[in-house]
């Protein structure tokens, strides 16, 4: 008696591949965020649009960037007007809170809340 093992192999491979696929939660940071450190001098507010970002400081300085989020690595990439590129890990992102590992030249963790 000849047994056809092809259907079993296809079934096995389809089960393996469906379990191996990881879903990456999409990160959206569009909108305006306020630094939770009320005494912060730099980056008091961050405003993200489609691919551009504007940061403000306590003084009259406005910083403009293009940005990109690498979803799988949860990394925010910023490019300034001089084409300087830096990255920050997105440690937390939900509708009310944004926490970054660092931000531009600030090496410490930065926390922001969504402006309502």
N, C-alpha and C. Protein backbone atom coordinates (compact mmCIF):
# COMPACT_ATOMS: atom_id res chain seq x y z
N UNK A 1 0.84 -1.17 0.00
CA UNK A 1 0.00 0.00 0.00
C UNK A 1 0.89 1.24 0.00
N UNK A 2 0.63 2.14 -0.92
CA UNK A 2 1.42 3.36 -1.06
C UNK A 2 0.71 4.49 -0.30
N UNK A 3 1.46 5.20 0.57
CA UNK A 3 0.90 6.29 1.38
C UNK A 3 1.43 7.61 0.84
N UNK A 4 0.53 8.53 0.60
CA UNK A 4 0.92 9.86 0.12
C UNK A 4 1.15 10.76 1.33
N UNK A 5 2.40 11.13 1.58
CA UNK A 5 2.74 11.95 2.75
C UNK A 5 2.75 13.44 2.46
N UNK A 6 2.53 13.81 1.23
CA UNK A 6 2.55 15.23 0.86
C UNK A 6 1.51 16.05 1.63
N UNK A 7 0.25 15.62 1.74
CA UNK A 7 -0.72 16.43 2.51
C UNK A 7 -0.31 16.61 3.96
N UNK A 8 0.29 15.60 4.57
CA UNK A 8 0.74 15.73 5.96
C UNK A 8 1.88 16.73 6.07
N UNK A 9 2.79 16.71 5.12
CA UNK A 9 3.91 17.64 5.12
C UNK A 9 3.42 19.08 4.96
N UNK A 10 2.49 19.30 4.06
CA UNK A 10 1.92 20.64 3.85
C UNK A 10 1.22 21.12 5.11
N UNK A 11 0.45 20.27 5.74
CA UNK A 11 -0.25 20.63 6.97
C UNK A 11 0.75 20.98 8.07
N UNK A 12 1.79 20.20 8.21
CA UNK A 12 2.81 20.46 9.22
C UNK A 12 3.50 21.80 8.99
N UNK A 13 3.91 22.06 7.76
CA UNK A 13 4.60 23.30 7.44
C UNK A 13 3.70 24.52 7.62
N UNK A 14 2.43 24.40 7.28
CA UNK A 14 1.53 25.54 7.44
C UNK A 14 1.32 25.87 8.91
N UNK A 15 1.26 24.87 9.77
CA UNK A 15 1.13 25.11 11.20
C UNK A 15 2.39 25.73 11.78
N UNK A 16 3.54 25.28 11.33
CA UNK A 16 4.80 25.83 11.83
C UNK A 16 4.97 27.28 11.43
N UNK A 17 4.68 27.61 10.20
CA UNK A 17 4.90 28.97 9.74
C UNK A 17 3.92 29.94 10.37
N UNK A 18 2.68 29.55 10.62
CA UNK A 18 1.73 30.48 11.21
C UNK A 18 2.06 30.78 12.66
N UNK A 19 2.65 29.84 13.37
CA UNK A 19 3.03 30.07 14.76
C UNK A 19 4.32 30.87 14.87
N UNK A 20 5.14 30.85 13.84
CA UNK A 20 6.44 31.51 13.90
C UNK A 20 6.38 32.99 13.57
N UNK A 21 5.27 33.46 13.04
CA UNK A 21 5.16 34.85 12.63
C UNK A 21 4.87 35.72 13.85
N UNK A 22 5.73 36.69 14.09
CA UNK A 22 5.52 37.63 15.19
C UNK A 22 4.78 38.84 14.66
N UNK A 23 3.84 39.32 15.43
CA UNK A 23 3.16 40.54 15.05
C UNK A 23 3.83 41.70 15.77
N UNK A 24 4.08 42.77 15.04
CA UNK A 24 4.71 43.95 15.60
C UNK A 24 3.63 44.99 15.80
N UNK A 25 3.49 45.44 17.03
CA UNK A 25 2.49 46.46 17.33
C UNK A 25 2.92 47.77 16.68
N UNK A 26 2.03 48.36 15.93
CA UNK A 26 2.33 49.61 15.23
C UNK A 26 2.40 50.76 16.22
N UNK A 27 3.46 51.54 16.11
CA UNK A 27 3.66 52.68 17.00
C UNK A 27 3.30 53.95 16.24
N UNK A 28 2.42 54.74 16.82
CA UNK A 28 2.07 56.04 16.25
C UNK A 28 2.31 57.10 17.32
N UNK A 29 3.07 58.11 16.97
CA UNK A 29 3.36 59.18 17.95
C UNK A 29 2.87 60.53 17.44
N UNK A 30 2.00 60.53 16.46
CA UNK A 30 1.50 61.79 15.91
C UNK A 30 0.76 62.58 16.98
N UNK A 31 0.93 63.89 16.91
CA UNK A 31 0.30 64.78 17.87
C UNK A 31 1.34 65.57 18.63
N UNK A 32 0.90 66.25 19.68
CA UNK A 32 1.79 67.08 20.49
C UNK A 32 1.96 66.46 21.87
N UNK A 33 3.22 66.39 22.29
CA UNK A 33 3.60 65.78 23.56
C UNK A 33 4.30 66.82 24.42
N UNK A 34 4.04 66.80 25.73
CA UNK A 34 4.67 67.74 26.66
C UNK A 34 5.60 66.98 27.59
N UNK A 35 6.77 67.56 27.83
CA UNK A 35 7.74 66.96 28.74
C UNK A 35 7.15 66.92 30.14
N UNK A 36 7.22 65.78 30.81
CA UNK A 36 6.68 65.68 32.17
C UNK A 36 7.57 66.39 33.18
N UNK A 37 8.82 66.65 32.81
CA UNK A 37 9.73 67.42 33.66
C UNK A 37 9.46 68.90 33.38
N UNK A 38 8.71 69.54 34.25
CA UNK A 38 8.28 70.93 34.03
C UNK A 38 9.44 71.92 34.08
N UNK A 39 10.61 71.51 34.58
CA UNK A 39 11.76 72.41 34.61
C UNK A 39 12.70 72.18 33.42
N UNK A 40 12.33 71.31 32.52
CA UNK A 40 13.17 71.02 31.35
C UNK A 40 13.39 72.28 30.52
N UNK A 41 14.61 72.46 30.05
CA UNK A 41 14.93 73.60 29.20
C UNK A 41 14.76 73.21 27.73
N UNK A 42 15.27 72.04 27.37
CA UNK A 42 15.19 71.58 25.99
C UNK A 42 14.03 70.62 25.81
N UNK A 43 13.44 70.67 24.64
CA UNK A 43 12.41 69.73 24.22
C UNK A 43 11.23 69.69 25.18
N UNK A 44 10.67 70.86 25.43
CA UNK A 44 9.49 70.95 26.31
C UNK A 44 8.25 70.41 25.62
N UNK A 45 8.15 70.65 24.32
CA UNK A 45 7.05 70.07 23.56
C UNK A 45 7.60 69.44 22.28
N UNK A 46 7.01 68.33 21.90
CA UNK A 46 7.33 67.64 20.66
C UNK A 46 6.04 67.55 19.86
N UNK A 47 6.08 67.94 18.60
CA UNK A 47 4.91 67.81 17.74
C UNK A 47 5.31 66.98 16.53
N UNK A 48 4.61 65.86 16.35
CA UNK A 48 4.89 64.95 15.25
C UNK A 48 3.74 65.00 14.25
N UNK A 49 4.07 65.23 12.98
CA UNK A 49 3.09 65.17 11.89
C UNK A 49 3.38 63.89 11.11
N UNK A 50 3.07 63.88 9.81
CA UNK A 50 3.27 62.66 9.02
C UNK A 50 4.72 62.19 8.99
N UNK A 51 5.65 63.06 8.62
CA UNK A 51 7.06 62.67 8.60
C UNK A 51 7.96 63.78 9.15
N UNK A 52 7.35 64.84 9.66
CA UNK A 52 8.13 65.94 10.21
C UNK A 52 7.82 66.12 11.69
N UNK A 53 8.80 66.65 12.40
CA UNK A 53 8.65 66.88 13.83
C UNK A 53 9.18 68.26 14.17
N UNK A 54 8.53 68.91 15.14
CA UNK A 54 8.97 70.21 15.63
C UNK A 54 9.09 70.11 17.15
N UNK A 55 10.25 70.48 17.67
CA UNK A 55 10.49 70.48 19.11
C UNK A 55 10.69 71.92 19.55
N UNK A 56 10.22 72.26 20.74
CA UNK A 56 10.43 73.61 21.27
C UNK A 56 11.23 73.53 22.56
N UNK A 57 11.87 74.65 22.88
CA UNK A 57 12.63 74.75 24.13
C UNK A 57 12.03 75.85 24.99
N UNK A 58 12.56 76.01 26.19
CA UNK A 58 12.06 77.04 27.11
C UNK A 58 12.28 78.43 26.52
N UNK A 59 13.37 78.61 25.79
CA UNK A 59 13.64 79.90 25.15
C UNK A 59 12.83 80.02 23.87
N UNK A 60 13.40 80.64 22.90
CA UNK A 60 12.69 80.86 21.64
C UNK A 60 13.18 79.94 20.52
N UNK A 61 13.88 78.87 20.87
CA UNK A 61 14.44 77.98 19.86
C UNK A 61 13.41 76.93 19.43
N UNK A 62 13.32 76.75 18.13
CA UNK A 62 12.46 75.72 17.55
C UNK A 62 13.36 74.80 16.74
N UNK A 63 13.23 73.51 16.99
CA UNK A 63 14.02 72.50 16.29
C UNK A 63 13.11 71.76 15.31
N UNK A 64 13.59 71.58 14.08
CA UNK A 64 12.80 70.87 13.07
C UNK A 64 13.56 69.64 12.60
N UNK A 65 12.81 68.56 12.45
CA UNK A 65 13.39 67.28 12.04
C UNK A 65 12.45 66.57 11.07
N UNK A 66 13.02 65.68 10.30
CA UNK A 66 12.24 64.64 9.65
C UNK A 66 12.40 63.42 10.54
N UNK A 67 11.37 62.60 10.61
CA UNK A 67 11.48 61.43 11.46
C UNK A 67 10.93 60.19 10.78
N UNK A 68 11.38 59.06 11.29
CA UNK A 68 10.96 57.76 10.81
C UNK A 68 10.97 56.81 12.00
N UNK A 69 9.97 55.96 12.11
CA UNK A 69 9.95 54.96 13.18
C UNK A 69 10.21 53.59 12.56
N UNK A 70 11.28 52.96 13.03
CA UNK A 70 11.55 51.57 12.65
C UNK A 70 10.72 50.71 13.60
N UNK A 71 9.60 50.22 13.11
CA UNK A 71 8.63 49.52 13.96
C UNK A 71 9.21 48.28 14.65
N UNK A 72 9.87 47.37 13.94
CA UNK A 72 10.35 46.15 14.62
C UNK A 72 11.32 46.43 15.77
N UNK A 73 12.19 47.41 15.61
CA UNK A 73 13.17 47.69 16.67
C UNK A 73 12.69 48.77 17.63
N UNK A 74 11.51 49.34 17.39
CA UNK A 74 10.94 50.41 18.22
C UNK A 74 11.94 51.57 18.35
N UNK A 75 12.47 52.00 17.21
CA UNK A 75 13.47 53.06 17.18
C UNK A 75 12.95 54.27 16.43
N UNK A 76 13.09 55.44 17.05
CA UNK A 76 12.75 56.71 16.43
C UNK A 76 14.02 57.28 15.81
N UNK A 77 14.00 57.51 14.50
CA UNK A 77 15.14 58.10 13.80
C UNK A 77 14.81 59.54 13.47
N UNK A 78 15.70 60.47 13.86
CA UNK A 78 15.54 61.89 13.59
C UNK A 78 16.65 62.37 12.66
N UNK A 79 16.28 63.22 11.69
CA UNK A 79 17.25 63.83 10.78
C UNK A 79 17.04 65.33 10.81
N UNK A 80 18.10 66.09 11.14
CA UNK A 80 17.94 67.55 11.21
C UNK A 80 18.19 68.18 9.83
N UNK A 81 18.14 69.51 9.77
CA UNK A 81 18.27 70.20 8.49
C UNK A 81 19.68 70.09 7.90
N UNK A 82 20.65 69.69 8.71
CA UNK A 82 22.02 69.50 8.23
C UNK A 82 22.30 68.04 7.88
N UNK A 83 21.25 67.22 7.87
CA UNK A 83 21.30 65.79 7.56
C UNK A 83 22.00 64.97 8.65
N UNK A 84 22.09 65.51 9.85
CA UNK A 84 22.61 64.75 10.99
C UNK A 84 21.51 63.81 11.46
N UNK A 85 21.85 62.53 11.67
CA UNK A 85 20.86 61.53 12.06
C UNK A 85 21.21 60.94 13.41
N UNK A 86 20.20 60.86 14.26
CA UNK A 86 20.35 60.22 15.56
C UNK A 86 19.10 59.40 15.84
N UNK A 87 19.25 58.44 16.73
CA UNK A 87 18.12 57.57 17.04
C UNK A 87 17.85 57.53 18.54
N UNK A 88 16.64 57.11 18.88
CA UNK A 88 16.24 56.92 20.27
C UNK A 88 15.31 55.72 20.32
N UNK A 89 15.50 54.88 21.30
CA UNK A 89 14.60 53.74 21.51
C UNK A 89 13.30 54.25 22.11
N UNK A 90 12.20 53.75 21.59
CA UNK A 90 10.89 54.06 22.17
C UNK A 90 10.63 53.00 23.24
N UNK A 91 10.75 53.42 24.50
CA UNK A 91 10.60 52.49 25.61
C UNK A 91 9.14 52.25 25.96
N UNK A 92 8.32 53.29 25.76
CA UNK A 92 6.89 53.17 26.04
C UNK A 92 6.14 54.09 25.09
N UNK A 93 5.05 53.60 24.55
CA UNK A 93 4.24 54.42 23.67
C UNK A 93 2.80 53.95 23.76
N UNK A 94 1.95 54.83 24.26
CA UNK A 94 0.52 54.56 24.22
C UNK A 94 -0.18 55.89 23.96
N UNK A 95 -1.48 55.93 24.08
CA UNK A 95 -2.19 57.17 23.70
C UNK A 95 -1.93 58.33 24.65
N UNK A 96 -1.43 58.06 25.86
CA UNK A 96 -1.20 59.12 26.84
C UNK A 96 0.25 59.36 27.21
N UNK A 97 1.13 58.42 26.89
CA UNK A 97 2.50 58.48 27.39
C UNK A 97 3.51 58.08 26.32
N UNK A 98 4.63 58.80 26.29
CA UNK A 98 5.73 58.50 25.38
C UNK A 98 7.02 58.59 26.19
N UNK A 99 7.79 57.51 26.21
CA UNK A 99 9.06 57.48 26.93
C UNK A 99 10.14 57.07 25.94
N UNK A 100 11.18 57.91 25.84
CA UNK A 100 12.30 57.67 24.94
C UNK A 100 13.57 57.44 25.75
N UNK A 101 14.45 56.60 25.25
CA UNK A 101 15.71 56.29 25.95
C UNK A 101 16.61 57.52 26.04
N UNK A 102 16.51 58.40 25.08
CA UNK A 102 17.30 59.62 25.00
C UNK A 102 16.60 60.50 23.97
N UNK A 103 17.08 61.71 23.79
CA UNK A 103 16.50 62.56 22.76
C UNK A 103 17.55 63.55 22.28
N UNK A 104 17.88 63.42 21.03
CA UNK A 104 18.90 64.21 20.35
C UNK A 104 20.17 64.21 21.19
N UNK A 105 20.62 65.35 21.74
CA UNK A 105 21.88 65.32 22.49
C UNK A 105 21.68 65.05 23.98
N UNK A 106 20.46 64.84 24.42
CA UNK A 106 20.20 64.50 25.82
C UNK A 106 20.30 62.98 25.98
N UNK A 107 21.22 62.54 26.83
CA UNK A 107 21.48 61.11 26.98
C UNK A 107 20.57 60.40 27.97
N UNK A 108 19.78 61.15 28.72
CA UNK A 108 18.94 60.52 29.73
C UNK A 108 17.54 60.23 29.19
N UNK A 109 16.83 59.39 29.90
CA UNK A 109 15.47 59.01 29.54
C UNK A 109 14.57 60.25 29.55
N UNK A 110 13.72 60.37 28.53
CA UNK A 110 12.82 61.51 28.40
C UNK A 110 11.38 61.02 28.41
N UNK A 111 10.56 61.65 29.27
CA UNK A 111 9.15 61.25 29.41
C UNK A 111 8.23 62.38 28.96
N UNK A 112 7.20 62.00 28.22
CA UNK A 112 6.25 62.99 27.69
C UNK A 112 4.83 62.48 27.89
N UNK A 113 3.92 63.43 28.05
CA UNK A 113 2.49 63.09 28.10
C UNK A 113 1.80 63.80 26.94
N UNK A 114 0.75 63.19 26.46
CA UNK A 114 0.02 63.72 25.30
C UNK A 114 -0.75 64.97 25.71
N UNK A 115 -0.62 66.01 24.91
CA UNK A 115 -1.37 67.25 25.15
C UNK A 115 -2.83 66.99 24.81
N UNK A 116 -3.69 67.42 25.70
CA UNK A 116 -5.13 67.17 25.50
C UNK A 116 -5.82 68.35 24.91
